[in-house]
Structure formats: structure tokens, C-alpha cells
Amino acid sequence: MGARVAVVGGGVAGLVAARDLVGAGHDVLLLEAGDETGGKLRRRPVGGVLVDVGAEAMLNRRPEGVEVARSAGLEVEHPAVVSSRIFSRGALRRLPRSLMGVPLDLDDLAASGVLDDAELARVREEPSLPPLELDPDDDLTVGDLVDARLGPAVTDRLVEPLLGGVYAGQARRISARAAVPQLVAMAQSGSLLEAGAAMAAPATYSTPVFAGLSGGMGGLSDALAERLREAGVEVRTGATVRELARTSSGFRLAVGPATSPERLEVDAVVLATPPAATARLLADVAPAASALLGRVESASVVVVSFAFRTAEVGALADTDCSGLLVPPVEGRDIKASTFSFAKWGWVREAGAGEGLVHLRTSLGRHGDETTLQVPDAELVARSRRDLAVLAGVAADPVDAHVQRWGGGLPQYAPGHVALVAGVRDAVAAVPGLAVCGAAYDGVGIPAVLASAHRAAAGLLSDRGRAGETMAP
């Protein structure tokens, strides 16, 4: 008989770890503190159409996301349009091809108008710089790397808006080794621009960069939770895990109200929780890992989703653009807007039946959380002001939804790769214990799923192995 395993955290990492473990014959209990599973994969009705209010796409060039989605019986869909715009120097401009903001084509960059002549001249000097010298144990921020190689303007106007979208972070505070190891390798081998030019060759990639799901990414978490229940997994929501302790045969969890928690005995535990919660639960079980995770900060973000009448958005209704980015130096409130109706065929079709177009804005990055501490109505108003200027949409929305993700994105500070290695070493010293989620190997969906697979595989290969106790 398989081991009794508790998976703590019902986001997509926890759901997939539970799927892997129950598939290997273990008795799995999934505990989610919130009132629904799925984490940042969530849908809500806006103007009568169910749309994503969290993550709405995943990297297509990594296999994990697409494989899990298809195994759950879901239809993968690619963006209908792929061009984007960036607001720079008071105008919307075509977003030049880049690797996380680092230009891949100098002519393309020059034609975009994002940089002025002096800034372009600074970029053109990069191939003459010596390769980056960086000891294996050293790290630097993305901003420091790009500032030194290409100049601060590239960081401010191209890298910042892209990192702000992915990590909700600041380029000069995010680890280059953790967030964009390709850039470090490129700079160490020679020129970023020359390596970028090779990457930009038409034959380099033959598949779309991103993928989504017909009906929205939120459907992935719903499908996974349903399949877990069908497989006999007990999925509990509203189940806060307050304590984790080792026993002679495994682990004991305190679950539920602080005044009268339920005590659960299990053989093994997967913690698929945010870093702060994981640090708290590991305090007694793996104190070294707890201390390291306690150093990981998180950023809060807000997604504001809108439905507008198609007839009232003017030329935007026929746009061939998937959305726009806004660098912080432009001083706007929003950091990006996704034209969901243009980007995703399923959104356009669903809205067309109601005579609506759907789009969304995002606000917030690490270090400016206080700007989000205002009522929902103010966030809607700020988004509308920027949409009027940036996208020409001044109409009143038919509907709007504000989704707050407090502490939703872990920040990868310099040294993060070493920190994660330390966490995993400390956790591995406790048989029957594993961790996974966005705090470790990347915040994108495929990276999070890979961490879930790794956590489950670690338990399955633990000294108890499948079918035997995994307890110490």
C-alpha cells in the first residue's frame, strides 16, 4: 500500500504534485487554505464572459505546461496576434524583438524609436566590450548587467517593463543568474548583441513562444482538481495548515482553526506554498531551509479586467496588437495592458456574442505596494485614465473586475540560485519532505510545474520508495 502524503497548497504546483503522487499509488490529501484551488490560475465572469484574472499564458517552448494541459483533456490555443507595443517618449511604438528586453536586432531596435540616437550609439558599442568576468559563485542584477553592457536606457525602457510583467520586480534588484541565465552566458562568451543576432535568425524557432488554453488558463486548475477527486484524492479547501512537526513515523500537521486545530498524521509532506508560508511551516522541521526562505521577498500585483462595448472602443476593435507595455520611467499607473479580445480567439468569440471586447490592465511591482492600497474603484479609475491616453479607450466599461494578488510573485534577489540550492539540501536531509512552487526555478507555469514534478519524484525515490513508507 502506498504512503499517506499531504500536499499543502492547492495552486497549480500542489495540484500537479498530487497528481504525480496519486498516479504512483499513494494516498494523497490536498490541503488548500483558500476557498478554491488553482492559485494564480483563476477565472471570473466579466461582462458575462468567464475570463482569466490571473496568469493567461504559458511558455510554449518548454514542454511541461502543454503536456499537463493536454493530459487533462484541454485544448491548447496560441495567440491570434503576436505583435505588441510599448509606450515610450509619449508615444506607442512597436516592441522590438528582444530576450527579456535585450535587443536581438539593432535595425529593429532603431526603427522602433524606443531609444534616442545617443542611447542607440551606446548600444552599438557593446560588441567592443570585453566578455563579462563573473566567478561561478558570484551574481549580479539584471539591471547591473544590462547597464554595463548596453546602457541604462535599455534597462529603463525595455528590460524594466518586461521584467515588471513577468516577475513584478525591478531590474536592478533581480538576479541575472536566476531570472535570465542565458544573458549571463551570452555576456561571458562575448557580445550580447552578436549572440542576440544569432538567436534572431528566422530558423532559430519554428514554434510559437506562448500558448494558452481555449476557455482560459483557469480551466487547467479546474480540470486538475476534478481529476484528483476522481482518482480518490481528498481535496480540502479552507484548510489552513498551522503547524508541521516530525513524528517517529512521519509528520503531524495542525489543520484548521487556531483554537481547535485538527491533528493529521501522514508519512510524507509536499509544501507547495508561497515562501513565507513555507518558511513558517519548516521552522521546526528544517530550520536551515526556513531561514533561507524567510529571506525571499514577494511582490503584490493587481489585474483589472474590463468589458467594453465593441462599438465604443473605436479603432482598437480592429487592432492587430496583443497589448502594450509601459516602462516605469513614463510615470503611468498601469505597467501593461493585454487586449485579450485580440490576443485570444476564444475571448473574441465569447465577447462577440455580447457585442463586447475584453481587455485587462496590470498594476504593481516590488517596492511600490503602497500604491495598490486604495479601493478597487480607484484602481479601476487609474486604469481607465491610462487606457484613455495609451489605447484611446475613453468609453465607460460595461463591467470591471479587480483581482488582487497580495504577495503573489516571489522575488529572485542576487544569490537566489545558491539560496534555492541551500533550501533543497536542507529539505533533502528530512526524509519524506519536499517543496515546490514559484519560489525555486522560475515563476512561469512550465517552471512551476517542473518544480512540482521534481518534488513528487524526490519523494518517490526517497529511501522508502513507492509503495513503502517514506517516513524517517
Protein backbone atom coordinates (compact mmCIF):
# COMPACT_ATOMS: atom_id res chain seq x y z
CA MET A 1 0.00 0.00 0.00
CA GLY A 2 1.24 3.49 -0.82
CA ALA A 3 2.22 6.11 1.69
CA ARG A 4 -0.16 8.71 3.09
CA VAL A 5 1.02 12.03 1.64
CA ALA A 6 -0.21 15.53 2.46
CA VAL A 7 0.22 18.15 -0.23
CA VAL A 8 -0.06 21.59 1.34
CA GLY A 9 -1.10 24.26 -1.14
CA GLY A 10 -3.67 23.91 -3.89
CA GLY A 11 -2.12 26.07 -6.56
CA VAL A 12 -1.04 24.50 -9.82
CA ALA A 13 2.20 23.22 -8.24
CA GLY A 14 0.32 21.41 -5.50
CA LEU A 15 -2.26 20.05 -7.91
CA VAL A 16 0.39 18.57 -10.20
CA ALA A 17 2.48 17.18 -7.35
CA ALA A 18 -0.66 15.50 -6.02
CA ARG A 19 -1.45 14.15 -9.49
CA ASP A 20 2.01 12.61 -9.81
CA LEU A 21 1.84 11.05 -6.35
CA VAL A 22 -1.63 9.56 -6.64
CA GLY A 23 -0.64 8.24 -10.05
CA ALA A 24 2.18 6.36 -8.35
CA GLY A 25 -0.26 4.67 -5.99
CA HIS A 26 -0.05 6.88 -2.93
CA ASP A 27 -2.92 8.00 -0.71
CA VAL A 28 -2.94 11.78 -1.16
CA LEU A 29 -4.61 14.55 0.81
CA LEU A 30 -4.55 18.08 -0.68
CA LEU A 31 -4.91 20.97 1.77
CA GLU A 32 -5.65 24.48 0.47
CA ALA A 33 -6.06 27.42 2.85
CA GLY A 34 -8.22 29.45 0.46
CA ASP A 35 -11.77 28.82 -0.63
CA GLU A 36 -10.74 27.44 -4.03
CA THR A 37 -7.82 25.64 -5.63
CA GLY A 38 -5.80 26.94 -8.56
CA GLY A 39 -3.65 29.66 -7.06
CA LYS A 40 -2.89 32.28 -9.71
CA LEU A 41 -4.90 30.35 -12.32
CA ARG A 42 -8.35 31.79 -11.83
CA ARG A 43 -11.32 32.86 -13.93
CA ARG A 44 -14.11 35.28 -13.16
CA PRO A 45 -17.13 36.49 -15.18
CA VAL A 46 -16.64 39.93 -16.72
CA GLY A 47 -19.49 41.19 -18.85
CA GLY A 48 -20.98 37.71 -18.78
CA VAL A 49 -17.82 36.05 -20.13
CA LEU A 50 -15.54 33.89 -17.98
CA VAL A 51 -12.01 35.28 -18.40
CA ASP A 52 -8.64 34.77 -16.76
CA VAL A 53 -7.90 37.19 -13.93
CA GLY A 54 -4.51 35.66 -13.15
CA ALA A 55 -1.99 34.00 -15.46
CA GLU A 56 -3.34 33.88 -19.02
CA ALA A 57 -0.47 32.32 -20.95
CA MET A 58 2.48 29.97 -20.60
CA LEU A 59 5.74 29.43 -22.44
CA ASN A 60 5.16 27.05 -25.32
CA ARG A 61 8.83 26.23 -25.85
CA ARG A 62 9.02 24.36 -22.56
CA PRO A 63 7.02 21.13 -22.60
CA GLU A 64 5.66 20.94 -19.06
CA GLY A 65 2.64 23.23 -19.37
CA VAL A 66 1.37 21.93 -22.68
CA GLU A 67 1.89 18.31 -21.62
CA VAL A 68 -0.07 18.72 -18.38
CA ALA A 69 -2.85 20.62 -20.13
CA ARG A 70 -3.28 18.02 -22.85
CA SER A 71 -3.15 15.18 -20.34
CA ALA A 72 -6.06 16.89 -18.58
CA GLY A 73 -8.04 16.87 -21.83
CA LEU A 74 -7.72 20.61 -22.52
CA GLU A 75 -7.30 22.32 -25.88
CA VAL A 76 -4.11 24.34 -26.30
CA GLU A 77 -4.51 27.61 -28.19
CA HIS A 78 -1.87 30.01 -29.47
CA PRO A 79 -2.24 33.80 -29.57
CA ALA A 80 -4.11 35.07 -32.60
CA VAL A 81 -1.78 38.08 -32.83
CA VAL A 82 1.76 38.35 -31.55
CA SER A 83 2.82 41.96 -32.11
CA SER A 84 2.98 44.22 -29.06
CA ARG A 85 3.51 47.91 -28.41
CA ILE A 86 5.48 49.84 -25.84
CA PHE A 87 4.73 53.35 -24.64
CA SER A 88 7.97 55.32 -24.80
CA ARG A 89 8.66 59.05 -25.00
CA GLY A 90 4.98 59.87 -25.14
CA ALA A 91 4.01 57.56 -27.99
CA LEU A 92 3.07 53.96 -28.64
CA ARG A 93 5.85 52.20 -30.51
CA ARG A 94 6.34 48.72 -31.87
CA LEU A 95 8.08 46.50 -29.31
CA PRO A 96 11.42 45.44 -30.82
CA ARG A 97 12.44 41.79 -30.76
CA SER A 98 14.32 41.01 -27.58
CA LEU A 99 15.31 38.49 -24.95
CA MET A 100 13.72 39.90 -21.79
CA GLY A 101 14.31 43.39 -23.18
CA VAL A 102 17.83 42.85 -24.54
CA PRO A 103 17.60 43.65 -28.27
CA LEU A 104 18.09 40.83 -30.74
CA ASP A 105 18.22 43.05 -33.84
CA LEU A 106 19.83 46.50 -33.88
CA ASP A 107 18.00 47.63 -37.01
CA ASP A 108 14.71 46.57 -35.46
CA LEU A 109 15.58 48.46 -32.28
CA ALA A 110 16.49 51.61 -34.18
CA ALA A 111 13.32 51.51 -36.26
CA SER A 112 11.15 51.21 -33.16
CA GLY A 113 12.05 54.67 -31.87
CA VAL A 114 12.18 53.46 -28.27
CA LEU A 115 15.72 54.82 -27.83
CA ASP A 116 17.16 58.15 -28.98
CA ASP A 117 20.29 58.49 -31.12
CA ALA A 118 22.71 58.81 -28.21
CA GLU A 119 21.22 55.77 -26.49
CA LEU A 120 21.44 53.76 -29.71
CA ALA A 121 25.07 54.77 -30.11
CA ARG A 122 25.77 53.45 -26.63
CA VAL A 123 24.14 50.13 -27.53
CA ARG A 124 26.25 49.83 -30.70
CA GLU A 125 29.44 49.99 -28.61
CA GLU A 126 28.61 46.71 -26.86
CA PRO A 127 30.42 44.28 -29.21
CA SER A 128 33.70 46.08 -28.46
CA LEU A 129 33.42 45.43 -24.72
CA PRO A 130 35.38 42.55 -23.16
CA PRO A 131 33.40 39.47 -22.12
CA LEU A 132 31.80 39.53 -18.69
CA GLU A 133 34.03 38.12 -15.97
CA LEU A 134 31.96 36.56 -13.21
CA ASP A 135 33.06 33.88 -10.76
CA PRO A 136 30.74 30.86 -10.56
CA ASP A 137 29.70 31.78 -7.02
CA ASP A 138 29.06 35.45 -7.83
CA ASP A 139 25.86 37.05 -9.08
CA LEU A 140 24.67 40.43 -10.27
CA THR A 141 21.34 42.01 -11.02
CA VAL A 142 19.80 42.06 -14.47
CA GLY A 143 19.96 45.84 -14.40
CA ASP A 144 23.64 45.89 -13.48
CA LEU A 145 24.41 43.54 -16.36
CA VAL A 146 22.39 45.46 -18.94
CA ASP A 147 23.53 48.88 -17.68
CA ALA A 148 27.16 47.86 -18.09
CA ARG A 149 26.77 46.22 -21.49
CA LEU A 150 24.11 48.30 -23.25
CA GLY A 151 23.49 51.39 -21.15
CA PRO A 152 20.84 52.41 -18.59
CA ALA A 153 18.29 53.40 -21.26
CA VAL A 154 17.91 49.77 -22.37
CA THR A 155 17.30 48.76 -18.76
CA ASP A 156 14.82 51.57 -18.13
CA ARG A 157 12.85 51.43 -21.37
CA LEU A 158 12.99 47.78 -22.43
CA VAL A 159 14.11 45.46 -19.63
CA GLU A 160 12.09 47.04 -16.81
CA PRO A 161 8.67 46.72 -18.48
CA LEU A 162 9.29 43.10 -19.44
CA LEU A 163 10.62 42.06 -16.03
CA GLY A 164 7.78 44.01 -14.45
CA GLY A 165 5.34 41.84 -16.34
CA VAL A 166 6.98 38.50 -15.57
CA TYR A 167 8.30 39.00 -12.05
CA ALA A 168 6.55 42.20 -10.95
CA GLY A 169 10.08 43.16 -9.99
CA GLN A 170 12.73 45.77 -10.61
CA ALA A 171 15.60 45.04 -12.97
CA ARG A 172 18.21 46.42 -10.61
CA ARG A 173 17.05 44.12 -7.81
CA ILE A 174 16.52 40.83 -9.68
CA SER A 175 19.21 38.16 -10.01
CA ALA A 176 20.57 37.74 -13.51
CA ARG A 177 21.64 34.16 -12.84
CA ALA A 178 18.17 33.20 -11.62
CA ALA A 179 15.96 35.21 -13.98
CA VAL A 180 17.90 35.28 -17.26
CA PRO A 181 20.85 32.88 -17.08
CA GLN A 182 21.03 32.99 -20.89
CA LEU A 183 22.10 36.64 -20.73
CA VAL A 184 24.88 35.85 -18.28
CA ALA A 185 26.16 33.06 -20.52
CA MET A 186 25.95 35.29 -23.59
CA ALA A 187 27.88 38.11 -21.89
CA GLN A 188 30.52 35.71 -20.59
CA SER A 189 31.10 34.27 -24.05
CA GLY A 190 31.39 37.63 -25.77
CA SER A 191 28.78 40.07 -27.02
CA LEU A 192 25.09 40.17 -26.09
CA LEU A 193 24.27 41.76 -29.43
CA GLU A 194 26.18 39.24 -31.50
CA ALA A 195 24.64 36.33 -29.62
CA GLY A 196 21.26 38.00 -29.94
CA ALA A 197 21.65 38.38 -33.69
CA ALA A 198 22.25 34.64 -33.96
CA MET A 199 19.14 33.97 -31.87
CA ALA A 200 17.10 36.27 -34.09
CA ALA A 201 17.77 34.18 -37.20
CA PRO A 202 14.41 33.12 -38.70
CA ALA A 203 15.20 29.41 -38.46
CA THR A 204 16.06 29.55 -34.75
CA TYR A 205 12.50 28.84 -33.64
CA SER A 206 9.65 27.23 -35.54
CA THR A 207 7.04 27.15 -32.76
CA PRO A 208 5.06 29.95 -31.11
CA VAL A 209 6.60 31.44 -27.98
CA PHE A 210 3.42 31.35 -25.91
CA ALA A 211 0.35 29.18 -25.54
CA GLY A 212 -2.92 29.43 -23.69
CA LEU A 213 -5.99 27.29 -23.31
CA SER A 214 -9.31 27.56 -25.05
CA GLY A 215 -11.57 28.90 -22.32
CA GLY A 216 -8.68 30.26 -20.29
CA MET A 217 -5.74 29.07 -18.21
CA GLY A 218 -8.04 28.89 -15.20
CA GLY A 219 -9.52 25.80 -16.78
CA LEU A 220 -6.27 23.94 -16.09
CA SER A 221 -6.60 24.14 -12.33
CA ASP A 222 -10.29 23.25 -12.50
CA ALA A 223 -9.55 20.18 -14.63
CA LEU A 224 -6.67 19.05 -12.43
CA ALA A 225 -8.73 19.35 -9.25
CA GLU A 226 -11.58 17.40 -10.83
CA ARG A 227 -9.26 14.60 -11.93
CA LEU A 228 -7.71 14.41 -8.48
CA ARG A 229 -11.12 13.91 -6.92
CA GLU A 230 -11.94 11.25 -9.49
CA ALA A 231 -8.68 9.49 -8.53
CA GLY A 232 -9.71 9.42 -4.89
CA VAL A 233 -7.71 12.40 -3.62
CA GLU A 234 -9.36 14.25 -0.77
CA VAL A 235 -9.22 17.92 -1.80
CA ARG A 236 -9.93 20.24 1.11
CA THR A 237 -10.34 23.99 0.80
CA GLY A 238 -10.45 26.37 3.75
CA ALA A 239 -7.85 24.10 5.35
CA THR A 240 -5.07 26.24 6.78
CA VAL A 241 -2.05 24.24 7.92
CA ARG A 242 -0.77 25.97 11.04
CA GLU A 243 1.99 23.64 12.20
CA LEU A 244 4.20 20.91 10.84
CA ALA A 245 6.16 18.58 13.11
CA ARG A 246 8.08 15.34 12.73
CA THR A 247 6.98 12.18 14.46
CA SER A 248 8.63 8.80 14.87
CA SER A 249 6.81 7.54 11.78
CA GLY A 250 6.35 10.64 9.66
CA PHE A 251 4.76 14.04 10.20
CA ARG A 252 1.96 15.68 12.14
CA LEU A 253 0.03 18.64 10.75
CA ALA A 254 -2.21 21.01 12.67
CA VAL A 255 -5.03 22.00 10.32
CA GLY A 256 -7.92 24.40 10.73
CA PRO A 257 -8.86 27.00 13.36
CA ALA A 258 -6.07 28.08 15.69
CA THR A 259 -8.31 27.48 18.70
CA SER A 260 -9.18 23.89 17.82
CA PRO A 261 -6.99 22.52 15.01
CA GLU A 262 -7.30 19.01 13.66
CA ARG A 263 -4.17 16.86 14.04
CA LEU A 264 -3.32 14.79 10.98
CA GLU A 265 -0.67 12.07 10.81
CA VAL A 266 0.96 11.40 7.43
CA ASP A 267 4.03 9.64 6.07
CA ALA A 268 5.22 12.43 3.79
CA VAL A 269 4.57 16.10 3.03
CA VAL A 270 4.91 18.32 -0.03
CA LEU A 271 4.86 22.05 0.72
CA ALA A 272 3.55 23.84 -2.37
CA THR A 273 3.04 27.13 -0.57
CA PRO A 274 4.47 30.65 -1.01
CA PRO A 275 7.92 31.19 0.53
CA ALA A 276 6.72 32.97 3.68
CA ALA A 277 4.22 30.22 4.49
CA THR A 278 6.76 27.51 3.69
CA ALA A 279 9.34 29.18 5.94
CA ARG A 280 6.85 29.23 8.80
CA LEU A 281 5.95 25.56 8.41
CA LEU A 282 9.59 24.49 8.16
CA ALA A 283 10.70 26.36 11.28
CA ASP A 284 10.95 23.22 13.42
CA VAL A 285 11.25 20.54 10.73
CA ALA A 286 14.02 22.10 8.60
CA PRO A 287 15.20 25.31 10.31
CA ALA A 288 18.02 26.00 7.84
CA ALA A 289 15.59 25.89 4.91
CA SER A 290 13.15 28.03 6.88
CA ALA A 291 15.76 30.71 7.47
CA LEU A 292 16.70 30.83 3.79
CA LEU A 293 13.10 31.02 2.55
CA GLY A 294 12.41 33.74 5.09
CA ARG A 295 14.75 35.95 3.07
CA VAL A 296 12.66 35.67 -0.12
CA GLU A 297 10.51 38.74 -0.61
CA SER A 298 7.32 38.84 -2.69
CA ALA A 299 5.57 41.43 -4.83
CA SER A 300 1.88 42.28 -4.90
CA VAL A 301 0.06 42.93 -8.16
CA VAL A 302 -3.43 43.77 -9.34
CA VAL A 303 -5.20 42.73 -12.54
CA VAL A 304 -8.16 44.87 -13.61
CA SER A 305 -10.33 43.20 -16.25
CA PHE A 306 -12.76 45.20 -18.40
CA ALA A 307 -15.59 44.58 -20.83
CA PHE A 308 -16.36 47.42 -23.25
CA ARG A 309 -18.97 47.70 -25.97
CA THR A 310 -17.26 46.96 -29.26
CA ALA A 311 -18.90 49.96 -30.92
CA GLU A 312 -17.40 52.31 -28.31
CA VAL A 313 -13.68 51.46 -28.48
CA GLY A 314 -13.06 52.87 -31.94
CA ALA A 315 -10.08 51.61 -33.93
CA LEU A 316 -8.96 49.37 -31.08
CA ALA A 317 -11.69 46.90 -32.04
CA ASP A 318 -9.71 46.05 -35.19
CA THR A 319 -6.22 46.12 -33.71
CA ASP A 320 -3.58 43.61 -34.73
CA CYS A 321 -1.79 44.17 -31.43
CA SER A 322 -1.96 41.89 -28.39
CA GLY A 323 -1.32 44.65 -25.89
CA LEU A 324 1.11 47.25 -24.62
CA LEU A 325 3.85 47.68 -22.03
CA VAL A 326 4.60 50.80 -20.02
CA PRO A 327 8.10 51.45 -18.62
CA PRO A 328 8.14 52.88 -15.07
CA VAL A 329 10.06 55.93 -16.33
CA GLU A 330 6.91 57.02 -18.18
CA GLY A 331 5.17 57.69 -14.87
CA ARG A 332 1.86 55.97 -15.64
CA ASP A 333 -0.15 53.91 -13.17
CA ILE A 334 -0.52 50.74 -15.21
CA LYS A 335 2.51 48.69 -16.22
CA ALA A 336 0.78 46.82 -19.04
CA SER A 337 -2.49 46.16 -20.79
CA THR A 338 -3.46 42.97 -22.59
CA PHE A 339 -6.03 43.25 -25.38
CA SER A 340 -7.48 39.85 -24.60
CA PHE A 341 -10.09 40.01 -27.37
CA ALA A 342 -7.32 40.45 -29.95
CA LYS A 343 -4.82 38.06 -28.39
CA TRP A 344 -7.09 35.06 -27.85
CA GLY A 345 -9.59 33.79 -30.39
CA TRP A 346 -11.80 32.24 -27.72
CA VAL A 347 -12.12 35.58 -25.89
CA ARG A 348 -13.04 37.40 -29.10
CA GLU A 349 -15.68 34.80 -29.98
CA ALA A 350 -17.19 34.78 -26.50
CA GLY A 351 -17.36 38.57 -26.36
CA ALA A 352 -18.67 38.97 -29.90
CA GLY A 353 -21.90 37.25 -28.93
CA GLU A 354 -22.49 40.00 -26.39
CA GLY A 355 -21.17 42.84 -28.56
CA LEU A 356 -18.21 43.24 -26.20
CA VAL A 357 -14.44 43.38 -26.26
CA HIS A 358 -12.39 42.35 -23.23
CA LEU A 359 -9.06 43.71 -22.10
CA ARG A 360 -7.14 43.97 -18.86
CA THR A 361 -4.55 46.10 -17.13
CA SER A 362 -1.92 45.18 -14.56
CA LEU A 363 -0.54 47.36 -11.80
CA GLY A 364 2.08 46.93 -9.10
CA ARG A 365 5.67 45.80 -8.79
CA HIS A 366 8.05 45.03 -5.98
CA GLY A 367 8.70 48.08 -3.84
CA ASP A 368 5.57 50.09 -4.68
CA GLU A 369 2.92 48.02 -2.91
CA THR A 370 1.56 51.11 -1.12
CA THR A 371 0.27 52.43 -4.44
CA LEU A 372 -2.13 49.47 -4.52
CA GLN A 373 -3.50 50.11 -1.05
CA VAL A 374 -6.50 52.01 -2.38
CA PRO A 375 -10.13 50.95 -3.01
CA ASP A 376 -11.00 48.89 -6.07
CA ALA A 377 -12.82 51.85 -7.58
CA GLU A 378 -9.60 53.88 -7.55
CA LEU A 379 -7.67 51.11 -9.30
CA VAL A 380 -10.39 50.99 -11.96
CA ALA A 381 -10.22 54.77 -12.33
CA ARG A 382 -6.43 54.76 -12.68
CA SER A 383 -6.61 52.03 -15.29
CA ARG A 384 -9.26 53.90 -17.24
CA ARG A 385 -7.23 57.11 -17.24
CA ASP A 386 -4.24 55.31 -18.69
CA LEU A 387 -6.32 53.35 -21.20
CA ALA A 388 -7.76 56.62 -22.48
CA VAL A 389 -4.27 58.02 -23.10
CA LEU A 390 -2.47 54.88 -24.22
CA ALA A 391 -5.16 52.99 -26.13
CA GLY A 392 -7.71 55.68 -26.94
CA VAL A 393 -10.45 53.96 -24.93
CA ALA A 394 -12.45 56.62 -23.11
CA ALA A 395 -15.82 54.83 -23.02
CA ASP A 396 -17.48 53.63 -19.85
CA PRO A 397 -16.95 49.91 -19.33
CA VAL A 398 -19.91 47.57 -19.22
CA ASP A 399 -18.19 45.67 -16.41
CA ALA A 400 -14.92 45.62 -14.50
CA HIS A 401 -13.32 43.17 -12.09
CA VAL A 402 -10.40 43.87 -9.74
CA GLN A 403 -8.26 40.90 -8.77
CA ARG A 404 -5.63 41.50 -6.10
CA TRP A 405 -2.71 39.12 -5.79
CA GLY A 406 -1.16 40.05 -2.46
CA GLY A 407 2.41 38.81 -2.23
CA GLY A 408 1.74 36.87 -5.39
CA LEU A 409 5.19 36.77 -7.01
CA PRO A 410 8.42 35.78 -5.23
CA GLN A 411 11.42 37.98 -5.98
CA TYR A 412 14.68 36.44 -7.13
CA ALA A 413 17.33 38.63 -5.49
CA PRO A 414 21.04 38.20 -6.30
CA GLY A 415 22.20 34.89 -4.86
CA HIS A 416 18.82 33.24 -5.39
CA VAL A 417 20.25 30.22 -7.20
CA ALA A 418 22.51 29.47 -4.23
CA LEU A 419 19.65 30.13 -1.81
CA VAL A 420 17.44 27.58 -3.57
CA ALA A 421 20.25 25.02 -3.55
CA GLY A 422 20.59 25.55 0.19
CA VAL A 423 16.86 25.11 0.72
CA ARG A 424 16.81 21.89 -1.26
CA ASP A 425 19.83 20.50 0.57
CA ALA A 426 18.20 21.19 3.93
CA VAL A 427 14.87 19.73 2.85
CA ALA A 428 16.52 16.64 1.35
CA ALA A 429 18.01 15.90 4.76
CA VAL A 430 14.46 15.28 6.04
CA PRO A 431 13.14 12.04 4.50
CA GLY A 432 9.59 12.31 3.25
CA LEU A 433 9.67 16.11 2.82
CA ALA A 434 9.63 18.12 -0.42
CA VAL A 435 8.95 21.68 -1.57
CA CYS A 436 7.78 23.16 -4.86
CA GLY A 437 6.27 26.29 -6.36
CA ALA A 438 7.23 29.61 -7.91
CA ALA A 439 9.96 30.42 -5.40
CA TYR A 440 12.51 27.97 -6.79
CA ASP A 441 13.16 27.57 -10.51
CA GLY A 442 11.02 30.22 -12.19
CA VAL A 443 7.65 31.93 -11.84
CA GLY A 444 6.20 30.85 -15.20
CA ILE A 445 3.74 27.97 -15.37
CA PRO A 446 6.11 25.43 -17.00
CA ALA A 447 8.84 26.16 -14.44
CA VAL A 448 6.37 25.82 -11.58
CA LEU A 449 5.12 22.52 -12.98
CA ALA A 450 8.70 21.30 -13.34
CA SER A 451 9.27 22.02 -9.66
CA ALA A 452 6.14 20.02 -8.82
CA HIS A 453 7.33 17.06 -10.88
CA ARG A 454 10.71 17.30 -9.16
CA ALA A 455 9.16 17.36 -5.69
CA ALA A 456 6.99 14.33 -6.37
CA ALA A 457 9.86 12.43 -7.99
CA GLY A 458 12.03 13.19 -4.98
CA LEU A 459 9.51 11.59 -2.66
CA LEU A 460 9.05 8.61 -4.95
CA SER A 461 12.79 7.99 -4.98
CA ASP A 462 13.22 8.66 -1.27
CA ARG A 463 14.53 5.85 0.86
CA GLY A 464 11.04 4.45 1.37
CA ARG A 465 10.34 4.44 -2.41
CA ALA A 466 6.93 3.88 -3.93
CA GLY A 467 4.69 1.54 -2.00
CA GLU A 468 6.76 1.72 1.17
CA THR A 469 6.81 4.23 3.98
CA MET A 470 8.66 7.45 3.19
CA ALA A 471 8.95 8.37 6.84
CA PRO A 472 12.25 8.58 8.75
